[in-house]
Amino acid sequence: MFYLESQRLRLIPLTNEMFNSCLKDRAAFEISLGLIPSQMEVEEFFKKEYDDAVVNFWLPNLAAFPNQYLWITNWEIVSLEHNTIIGGIGMAGLNLTDGAATTGYMIDKKHWNKGYATEALNLICQWAFTHEHVLSIKASTLTDGYASQKVLRKAGFVQIGADEQETHFQKMK
């Protein structure tokens, strides 16, 4: 199984088979990976975003492009200390015309303010930038998503724009 690891975290990208297993029975899936079931606490906004991504992005793209799963799946964020999933991060595809990848992330409320989001974001960006076709990574937050904006800035992203609903960031290679 492919994964990325830092001092405190392991990022596990879900293949189509793993993703479907996780959706069927998350606790059983986590146990199959040797993890303690997570019992994550997630804000309602992120639950809706996750559910939308499952139906409209992850499942159709994983089925259509299984060999590209690293770029079109959720990567589970595992705390090595707690041996449990504490969030998710991923790349929402790769725009080959301009070399830009897009990322997003979410951390279990019980694990906020511990630097996990920044650490996971740095780890996945380091991995993405090892691919020569990736020139930049983009991310967007809610306009009032100040904690997420702080994470992006700490990870070296700079604000490139904003509208009424979102603030847009980018990190260059």
C-alpha atoms as a PDB file:
ATOM      1  CA  MET A   1       0.000   0.000   0.000  1.00  0.00           C
ATOM      2  CA  PHE A   2       1.354   3.421  -0.987  1.00  0.00           C
ATOM      3  CA  TYR A   3       1.395   6.168   1.640  1.00  0.00           C
ATOM      4  CA  LEU A   4       3.274   9.282   2.683  1.00  0.00           C
ATOM      5  CA  GLU A   5       4.632   9.714   6.176  1.00  0.00           C
ATOM      6  CA  SER A   6       5.936  12.559   8.316  1.00  0.00           C
ATOM      7  CA  GLN A   7       7.026  12.588  11.943  1.00  0.00           C
ATOM      8  CA  ARG A   8       3.425  12.518  13.258  1.00  0.00           C
ATOM      9  CA  LEU A   9       1.229  11.605  10.302  1.00  0.00           C
ATOM     10  CA  ARG A  10       0.636   8.996   7.622  1.00  0.00           C
ATOM     11  CA  LEU A  11      -1.368   9.959   4.525  1.00  0.00           C
ATOM     12  CA  ILE A  12      -3.100   7.001   2.881  1.00  0.00           C
ATOM     13  CA  PRO A  13      -4.595   7.573  -0.598  1.00  0.00           C
ATOM     14  CA  LEU A  14      -7.712   5.512  -1.194  1.00  0.00           C
ATOM     15  CA  THR A  15      -7.952   3.371  -4.305  1.00  0.00           C
ATOM     16  CA  ASN A  16     -11.398   2.787  -5.807  1.00  0.00           C
ATOM     17  CA  GLU A  17     -11.680  -0.508  -3.901  1.00  0.00           C
ATOM     18  CA  MET A  18     -10.531   1.062  -0.607  1.00  0.00           C
ATOM     19  CA  PHE A  19     -12.881   4.019  -1.070  1.00  0.00           C
ATOM     20  CA  ASN A  20     -15.884   1.768  -1.629  1.00  0.00           C
ATOM     21  CA  SER A  21     -14.918  -0.359   1.380  1.00  0.00           C
ATOM     22  CA  CYS A  22     -14.683   2.799   3.497  1.00  0.00           C
ATOM     23  CA  LEU A  23     -18.110   3.984   2.334  1.00  0.00           C
ATOM     24  CA  LYS A  24     -19.683   0.603   3.024  1.00  0.00           C
ATOM     25  CA  ASP A  25     -18.437   0.340   6.631  1.00  0.00           C
ATOM     26  CA  ARG A  26     -15.918   2.949   7.787  1.00  0.00           C
ATOM     27  CA  ALA A  27     -15.157   1.279  11.134  1.00  0.00           C
ATOM     28  CA  ALA A  28     -14.501  -2.108   9.498  1.00  0.00           C
ATOM     29  CA  PHE A  29     -12.335  -0.404   6.868  1.00  0.00           C
ATOM     30  CA  GLU A  30     -10.271   1.360   9.527  1.00  0.00           C
ATOM     31  CA  ILE A  31      -9.850  -1.891  11.473  1.00  0.00           C
ATOM     32  CA  SER A  32      -8.717  -3.632   8.257  1.00  0.00           C
ATOM     33  CA  LEU A  33      -5.887  -1.076   8.093  1.00  0.00           C
ATOM     34  CA  GLY A  34      -4.916  -1.844  11.697  1.00  0.00           C
ATOM     35  CA  LEU A  35      -6.354   1.464  12.931  1.00  0.00           C
ATOM     36  CA  ILE A  36      -8.599   2.357  15.840  1.00  0.00           C
ATOM     37  CA  PRO A  37     -12.002   3.474  14.437  1.00  0.00           C
ATOM     38  CA  SER A  38     -12.020   7.250  14.312  1.00  0.00           C
ATOM     39  CA  GLN A  39     -15.369   8.631  15.534  1.00  0.00           C
ATOM     40  CA  MET A  40     -14.554  11.934  13.793  1.00  0.00           C
ATOM     41  CA  GLU A  41     -16.321  15.167  14.701  1.00  0.00           C
ATOM     42  CA  VAL A  42     -16.726  17.263  11.556  1.00  0.00           C
ATOM     43  CA  GLU A  43     -18.510  20.560  10.936  1.00  0.00           C
ATOM     44  CA  GLU A  44     -21.721  20.308   8.927  1.00  0.00           C
ATOM     45  CA  PHE A  45     -20.194  22.308   6.042  1.00  0.00           C
ATOM     46  CA  PHE A  46     -17.410  19.728   5.647  1.00  0.00           C
ATOM     47  CA  LYS A  47     -19.891  16.835   5.839  1.00  0.00           C
ATOM     48  CA  LYS A  48     -21.813  18.357   2.929  1.00  0.00           C
ATOM     49  CA  GLU A  49     -18.596  19.033   0.971  1.00  0.00           C
ATOM     50  CA  TYR A  50     -17.449  15.451   1.571  1.00  0.00           C
ATOM     51  CA  ASP A  51     -20.785  13.933   0.523  1.00  0.00           C
ATOM     52  CA  ASP A  52     -20.830  16.079  -2.629  1.00  0.00           C
ATOM     53  CA  ALA A  53     -17.245  15.100  -3.494  1.00  0.00           C
ATOM     54  CA  VAL A  54     -18.054  11.401  -3.010  1.00  0.00           C
ATOM     55  CA  VAL A  55     -20.944  11.475  -5.476  1.00  0.00           C
ATOM     56  CA  ASN A  56     -19.749  14.071  -7.986  1.00  0.00           C
ATOM     57  CA  PHE A  57     -15.967  13.669  -8.018  1.00  0.00           C
ATOM     58  CA  TRP A  58     -14.314  10.762  -6.207  1.00  0.00           C
ATOM     59  CA  LEU A  59     -16.512   7.802  -7.165  1.00  0.00           C
ATOM     60  CA  PRO A  60     -16.962   8.668 -10.845  1.00  0.00           C
ATOM     61  CA  ASN A  61     -13.310   9.612 -11.338  1.00  0.00           C
ATOM     62  CA  LEU A  62     -11.904   6.644  -9.438  1.00  0.00           C
ATOM     63  CA  ALA A  63     -14.062   4.329 -11.555  1.00  0.00           C
ATOM     64  CA  ALA A  64     -13.054   6.064 -14.805  1.00  0.00           C
ATOM     65  CA  PHE A  65      -9.344   6.606 -14.057  1.00  0.00           C
ATOM     66  CA  PRO A  66      -8.192   3.986 -11.522  1.00  0.00           C
ATOM     67  CA  ASN A  67      -4.518   4.388 -12.446  1.00  0.00           C
ATOM     68  CA  GLN A  68      -4.665   8.108 -11.581  1.00  0.00           C
ATOM     69  CA  TYR A  69      -6.184   7.567  -8.133  1.00  0.00           C
ATOM     70  CA  LEU A  70      -3.469   9.520  -6.296  1.00  0.00           C
ATOM     71  CA  TRP A  71      -4.690  12.716  -7.989  1.00  0.00           C
ATOM     72  CA  ILE A  72      -8.437  12.108  -7.630  1.00  0.00           C
ATOM     73  CA  THR A  73      -9.056  10.570  -4.225  1.00  0.00           C
ATOM     74  CA  ASN A  74      -9.296  11.317  -0.554  1.00  0.00           C
ATOM     75  CA  TRP A  75      -6.112  10.626   1.405  1.00  0.00           C
ATOM     76  CA  GLU A  76      -6.886   9.616   4.980  1.00  0.00           C
ATOM     77  CA  ILE A  77      -4.790  11.539   7.531  1.00  0.00           C
ATOM     78  CA  VAL A  78      -3.683   9.113  10.248  1.00  0.00           C
ATOM     79  CA  SER A  79      -2.223  10.237  13.563  1.00  0.00           C
ATOM     80  CA  LEU A  80       0.687   7.893  14.273  1.00  0.00           C
ATOM     81  CA  GLU A  81       0.470   8.705  17.992  1.00  0.00           C
ATOM     82  CA  HIS A  82      -3.234   7.853  18.251  1.00  0.00           C
ATOM     83  CA  ASN A  83      -3.316   5.209  15.455  1.00  0.00           C
ATOM     84  CA  THR A  84      -6.551   6.684  14.143  1.00  0.00           C
ATOM     85  CA  ILE A  85      -7.800   8.752  11.219  1.00  0.00           C
ATOM     86  CA  ILE A  86      -7.984  12.438  12.141  1.00  0.00           C
ATOM     87  CA  GLY A  87      -8.989  13.930   8.802  1.00  0.00           C
ATOM     88  CA  GLY A  88      -8.675  13.890   5.058  1.00  0.00           C
ATOM     89  CA  ILE A  89      -6.713  15.675   2.360  1.00  0.00           C
ATOM     90  CA  GLY A  90      -6.368  15.243  -1.339  1.00  0.00           C
ATOM     91  CA  MET A  91      -5.794  16.517  -4.802  1.00  0.00           C
ATOM     92  CA  ALA A  92      -8.844  17.327  -6.873  1.00  0.00           C
ATOM     93  CA  GLY A  93      -7.246  16.365 -10.153  1.00  0.00           C
ATOM     94  CA  LEU A  94      -4.492  17.934 -12.151  1.00  0.00           C
ATOM     95  CA  ASN A  95      -5.021  20.593 -14.787  1.00  0.00           C
ATOM     96  CA  LEU A  96      -2.417  19.587 -17.362  1.00  0.00           C
ATOM     97  CA  THR A  97      -2.850  22.774 -19.393  1.00  0.00           C
ATOM     98  CA  ASP A  98      -1.364  25.017 -16.710  1.00  0.00           C
ATOM     99  CA  GLY A  99       0.349  22.504 -14.398  1.00  0.00           C
ATOM    100  CA  ALA A 100      -1.919  23.361 -11.482  1.00  0.00           C
ATOM    101  CA  ALA A 101      -3.171  20.816  -8.970  1.00  0.00           C
ATOM    102  CA  THR A 102      -5.914  21.660  -6.481  1.00  0.00           C
ATOM    103  CA  THR A 103      -5.998  20.518  -2.869  1.00  0.00           C
ATOM    104  CA  GLY A 104      -8.425  20.539   0.021  1.00  0.00           C
ATOM    105  CA  TYR A 105      -8.376  19.195   3.582  1.00  0.00           C
ATOM    106  CA  MET A 106     -10.401  18.695   6.744  1.00  0.00           C
ATOM    107  CA  ILE A 107      -9.370  17.853  10.308  1.00  0.00           C
ATOM    108  CA  ASP A 108     -11.468  16.227  13.038  1.00  0.00           C
ATOM    109  CA  LYS A 109     -12.508  18.935  15.548  1.00  0.00           C
ATOM    110  CA  LYS A 110     -10.883  16.969  18.379  1.00  0.00           C
ATOM    111  CA  HIS A 111      -7.520  17.487  16.681  1.00  0.00           C
ATOM    112  CA  TRP A 112      -7.702  21.167  15.749  1.00  0.00           C
ATOM    113  CA  ASN A 113      -4.932  23.600  16.716  1.00  0.00           C
ATOM    114  CA  LYS A 114      -2.216  20.950  16.848  1.00  0.00           C
ATOM    115  CA  GLY A 115      -0.568  21.686  13.487  1.00  0.00           C
ATOM    116  CA  TYR A 116      -1.889  18.547  11.799  1.00  0.00           C
ATOM    117  CA  ALA A 117      -3.489  20.342   8.843  1.00  0.00           C
ATOM    118  CA  THR A 118      -0.298  22.279   8.119  1.00  0.00           C
ATOM    119  CA  GLU A 119       1.809  19.128   8.443  1.00  0.00           C
ATOM    120  CA  ALA A 120      -0.485  17.127   6.126  1.00  0.00           C
ATOM    121  CA  LEU A 121      -0.626  19.978   3.614  1.00  0.00           C
ATOM    122  CA  ASN A 122       3.168  20.313   3.570  1.00  0.00           C
ATOM    123  CA  LEU A 123       3.541  16.561   3.108  1.00  0.00           C
ATOM    124  CA  ILE A 124       1.145  16.268   0.174  1.00  0.00           C
ATOM    125  CA  CYS A 125       2.602  19.393  -1.481  1.00  0.00           C
ATOM    126  CA  GLN A 126       6.129  17.984  -1.194  1.00  0.00           C
ATOM    127  CA  TRP A 127       4.901  14.798  -2.869  1.00  0.00           C
ATOM    128  CA  ALA A 128       3.006  16.647  -5.616  1.00  0.00           C
ATOM    129  CA  PHE A 129       5.986  18.843  -6.449  1.00  0.00           C
ATOM    130  CA  THR A 130       8.116  15.738  -7.109  1.00  0.00           C
ATOM    131  CA  HIS A 131       6.078  15.371 -10.312  1.00  0.00           C
ATOM    132  CA  GLU A 132       7.602  17.505 -13.048  1.00  0.00           C
ATOM    133  CA  HIS A 133       4.229  18.445 -14.551  1.00  0.00           C
ATOM    134  CA  VAL A 134       3.044  20.048 -11.270  1.00  0.00           C
ATOM    135  CA  LEU A 135       3.991  23.726 -11.288  1.00  0.00           C
ATOM    136  CA  SER A 136       1.571  25.024  -8.666  1.00  0.00           C
ATOM    137  CA  ILE A 137      -1.025  23.920  -6.151  1.00  0.00           C
ATOM    138  CA  LYS A 138      -4.231  25.852  -5.578  1.00  0.00           C
ATOM    139  CA  ALA A 139      -6.671  25.862  -2.665  1.00  0.00           C
ATOM    140  CA  SER A 140      -9.763  27.820  -1.705  1.00  0.00           C
ATOM    141  CA  THR A 141     -11.365  28.487   1.668  1.00  0.00           C
ATOM    142  CA  LEU A 142     -14.557  30.112   2.770  1.00  0.00           C
ATOM    143  CA  THR A 143     -14.111  33.863   3.050  1.00  0.00           C
ATOM    144  CA  ASP A 144     -14.526  33.596   6.816  1.00  0.00           C
ATOM    145  CA  GLY A 145     -12.404  30.413   7.072  1.00  0.00           C
ATOM    146  CA  TYR A 146      -9.601  32.176   8.918  1.00  0.00           C
ATOM    147  CA  ALA A 147      -8.136  29.038  10.512  1.00  0.00           C
ATOM    148  CA  SER A 148      -7.833  27.344   7.130  1.00  0.00           C
ATOM    149  CA  GLN A 149      -6.353  30.499   5.627  1.00  0.00           C
ATOM    150  CA  LYS A 150      -3.760  30.504   8.419  1.00  0.00           C
ATOM    151  CA  VAL A 151      -2.903  26.864   7.601  1.00  0.00           C
ATOM    152  CA  LEU A 152      -2.403  27.735   3.937  1.00  0.00           C
ATOM    153  CA  ARG A 153      -0.160  30.686   4.735  1.00  0.00           C
ATOM    154  CA  LYS A 154       1.921  28.611   7.167  1.00  0.00           C
ATOM    155  CA  ALA A 155       2.363  26.043   4.372  1.00  0.00           C
ATOM    156  CA  GLY A 156       3.693  28.693   1.983  1.00  0.00           C
ATOM    157  CA  PHE A 157       0.537  29.501   0.015  1.00  0.00           C
ATOM    158  CA  VAL A 158      -0.196  33.090  -0.988  1.00  0.00           C
ATOM    159  CA  GLN A 159      -3.589  34.646  -1.561  1.00  0.00           C
ATOM    160  CA  ILE A 160      -4.296  35.135  -5.264  1.00  0.00           C
ATOM    161  CA  GLY A 161      -7.874  36.354  -5.140  1.00  0.00           C
ATOM    162  CA  ALA A 162     -11.216  36.377  -3.383  1.00  0.00           C
ATOM    163  CA  ASP A 163     -14.906  36.669  -4.108  1.00  0.00           C
ATOM    164  CA  GLU A 164     -17.974  36.910  -1.884  1.00  0.00           C
ATOM    165  CA  GLN A 165     -17.829  33.254  -0.850  1.00  0.00           C
ATOM    166  CA  GLU A 166     -14.193  32.110  -1.143  1.00  0.00           C
ATOM    167  CA  THR A 167     -10.612  33.211  -0.749  1.00  0.00           C
ATOM    168  CA  HIS A 168      -8.188  31.634  -3.255  1.00  0.00           C
ATOM    169  CA  PHE A 169      -4.589  30.635  -2.590  1.00  0.00           C
ATOM    170  CA  GLN A 170      -1.702  29.218  -4.578  1.00  0.00           C
ATOM    171  CA  LYS A 171       1.716  27.723  -3.865  1.00  0.00           C
ATOM    172  CA  MET A 172       4.329  27.681  -6.619  1.00  0.00           C
ATOM    173  CA  LYS A 173       6.948  24.981  -7.125  1.00  0.00           C
END
